Amino acid sequence: MTEIASPYISHPRITVLAVQPGNPPFRIVEIDGDVIGEAKNFTDVLMAAAAYGIVVHDADDPDVVRWVGGDKLTWRLR
């Protein structure tokens, strides 16, 4: 018997990568696969999304934002 994989795979438009060292620390933000800049806090992510016409109603929804290396509250190196 062959197992069928789910046809649904989440590909959110916004990806926020892990915290990078800096003063202050920052996270790289990608929209539609393109690096668009750095975010130093959650507000920066929302502003970047808005600049690309994306309204984020639920930043915890993995279909909206993919958080790598932490969630929306992670802005310091671990």
C-alpha atoms as a PDB file:
ATOM      1  CA  MET A   1       0.000   0.000   0.000  1.00  0.00           C
ATOM      2  CA  THR A   2       1.321   3.422  -0.917  1.00  0.00           C
ATOM      3  CA  GLU A   3       0.977   6.351   1.439  1.00  0.00           C
ATOM      4  CA  ILE A   4      -0.142   9.597  -0.100  1.00  0.00           C
ATOM      5  CA  ALA A   5       1.463  12.752   1.213  1.00  0.00           C
ATOM      6  CA  SER A   6      -0.733  15.657   2.091  1.00  0.00           C
ATOM      7  CA  PRO A   7      -1.272  17.904  -0.930  1.00  0.00           C
ATOM      8  CA  TYR A   8      -1.156  20.962   1.356  1.00  0.00           C
ATOM      9  CA  ILE A   9       2.229  22.439   2.200  1.00  0.00           C
ATOM     10  CA  SER A  10       2.397  25.828   3.853  1.00  0.00           C
ATOM     11  CA  HIS A  11       4.420  28.475   1.989  1.00  0.00           C
ATOM     12  CA  PRO A  12       3.962  31.721   3.895  1.00  0.00           C
ATOM     13  CA  ARG A  13       4.945  34.909   2.090  1.00  0.00           C
ATOM     14  CA  ILE A  14       6.937  36.159   5.104  1.00  0.00           C
ATOM     15  CA  THR A  15       9.940  34.369   6.621  1.00  0.00           C
ATOM     16  CA  VAL A  16      11.820  35.773   9.602  1.00  0.00           C
ATOM     17  CA  LEU A  17      15.208  34.124  10.063  1.00  0.00           C
ATOM     18  CA  ALA A  18      17.104  33.470  13.303  1.00  0.00           C
ATOM     19  CA  VAL A  19      18.585  36.263  15.418  1.00  0.00           C
ATOM     20  CA  GLN A  20      21.932  37.560  14.162  1.00  0.00           C
ATOM     21  CA  PRO A  21      24.598  39.193  16.334  1.00  0.00           C
ATOM     22  CA  GLY A  22      24.669  42.948  16.198  1.00  0.00           C
ATOM     23  CA  ASN A  23      24.130  46.004  18.300  1.00  0.00           C
ATOM     24  CA  PRO A  24      21.215  45.611  18.583  1.00  0.00           C
ATOM     25  CA  PRO A  25      20.677  42.010  17.426  1.00  0.00           C
ATOM     26  CA  PHE A  26      18.495  41.682  14.334  1.00  0.00           C
ATOM     27  CA  ARG A  27      16.664  39.144  12.175  1.00  0.00           C
ATOM     28  CA  ILE A  28      16.672  38.929   8.381  1.00  0.00           C
ATOM     29  CA  VAL A  29      13.218  39.235   6.806  1.00  0.00           C
ATOM     30  CA  GLU A  30      12.294  37.576   3.517  1.00  0.00           C
ATOM     31  CA  ILE A  31       9.118  38.248   1.570  1.00  0.00           C
ATOM     32  CA  ASP A  32       8.185  35.994  -1.331  1.00  0.00           C
ATOM     33  CA  GLY A  33      11.654  34.425  -1.114  1.00  0.00           C
ATOM     34  CA  ASP A  34      13.549  37.709  -1.464  1.00  0.00           C
ATOM     35  CA  VAL A  35      15.607  39.234   1.353  1.00  0.00           C
ATOM     36  CA  ILE A  36      14.047  42.619   1.991  1.00  0.00           C
ATOM     37  CA  GLY A  37      15.984  43.768   5.047  1.00  0.00           C
ATOM     38  CA  GLU A  38      16.603  43.531   8.760  1.00  0.00           C
ATOM     39  CA  ALA A  39      14.138  43.677  11.622  1.00  0.00           C
ATOM     40  CA  LYS A  40      15.189  44.708  15.098  1.00  0.00           C
ATOM     41  CA  ASN A  41      11.761  44.053  16.593  1.00  0.00           C
ATOM     42  CA  PHE A  42       8.310  42.705  15.805  1.00  0.00           C
ATOM     43  CA  THR A  43       7.074  46.118  14.656  1.00  0.00           C
ATOM     44  CA  ASP A  44       9.769  46.164  11.952  1.00  0.00           C
ATOM     45  CA  VAL A  45       8.371  42.884  10.588  1.00  0.00           C
ATOM     46  CA  LEU A  46       4.847  44.304  10.460  1.00  0.00           C
ATOM     47  CA  MET A  47       6.070  47.484   8.751  1.00  0.00           C
ATOM     48  CA  ALA A  48       8.005  45.473   6.148  1.00  0.00           C
ATOM     49  CA  ALA A  49       4.939  43.348   5.454  1.00  0.00           C
ATOM     50  CA  ALA A  50       2.781  46.453   5.068  1.00  0.00           C
ATOM     51  CA  ALA A  51       5.286  47.948   2.620  1.00  0.00           C
ATOM     52  CA  TYR A  52       4.674  44.880   0.435  1.00  0.00           C
ATOM     53  CA  GLY A  53       0.909  45.092   0.814  1.00  0.00           C
ATOM     54  CA  ILE A  54       0.640  42.245   3.309  1.00  0.00           C
ATOM     55  CA  VAL A  55      -1.642  42.684   6.308  1.00  0.00           C
ATOM     56  CA  VAL A  56      -0.689  40.372   9.174  1.00  0.00           C
ATOM     57  CA  HIS A  57      -3.726  39.554  11.291  1.00  0.00           C
ATOM     58  CA  ASP A  58      -2.146  36.611  13.132  1.00  0.00           C
ATOM     59  CA  ALA A  59       1.651  36.468  13.326  1.00  0.00           C
ATOM     60  CA  ASP A  60       1.417  33.080  15.055  1.00  0.00           C
ATOM     61  CA  ASP A  61      -0.271  31.496  12.026  1.00  0.00           C
ATOM     62  CA  PRO A  62       2.361  29.420  10.172  1.00  0.00           C
ATOM     63  CA  ASP A  63       0.477  30.052   6.923  1.00  0.00           C
ATOM     64  CA  VAL A  64       1.184  33.772   7.337  1.00  0.00           C
ATOM     65  CA  VAL A  65       4.671  34.023   8.889  1.00  0.00           C
ATOM     66  CA  ARG A  66       7.418  31.416   9.218  1.00  0.00           C
ATOM     67  CA  TRP A  67       9.576  32.125  12.263  1.00  0.00           C
ATOM     68  CA  VAL A  68      13.019  30.442  12.136  1.00  0.00           C
ATOM     69  CA  GLY A  69      15.027  30.130  15.344  1.00  0.00           C
ATOM     70  CA  GLY A  70      12.392  31.557  17.630  1.00  0.00           C
ATOM     71  CA  ASP A  71       8.999  33.209  17.591  1.00  0.00           C
ATOM     72  CA  LYS A  72       7.797  36.807  17.342  1.00  0.00           C
ATOM     73  CA  LEU A  73       9.111  37.498  20.852  1.00  0.00           C
ATOM     74  CA  THR A  74      12.671  36.253  20.171  1.00  0.00           C
ATOM     75  CA  TRP A  75      14.988  39.196  19.484  1.00  0.00           C
ATOM     76  CA  ARG A  76      18.122  38.287  21.457  1.00  0.00           C
ATOM     77  CA  LEU A  77      20.782  35.664  20.856  1.00  0.00           C
ATOM     78  CA  ARG A  78      20.313  32.574  22.952  1.00  0.00           C
END
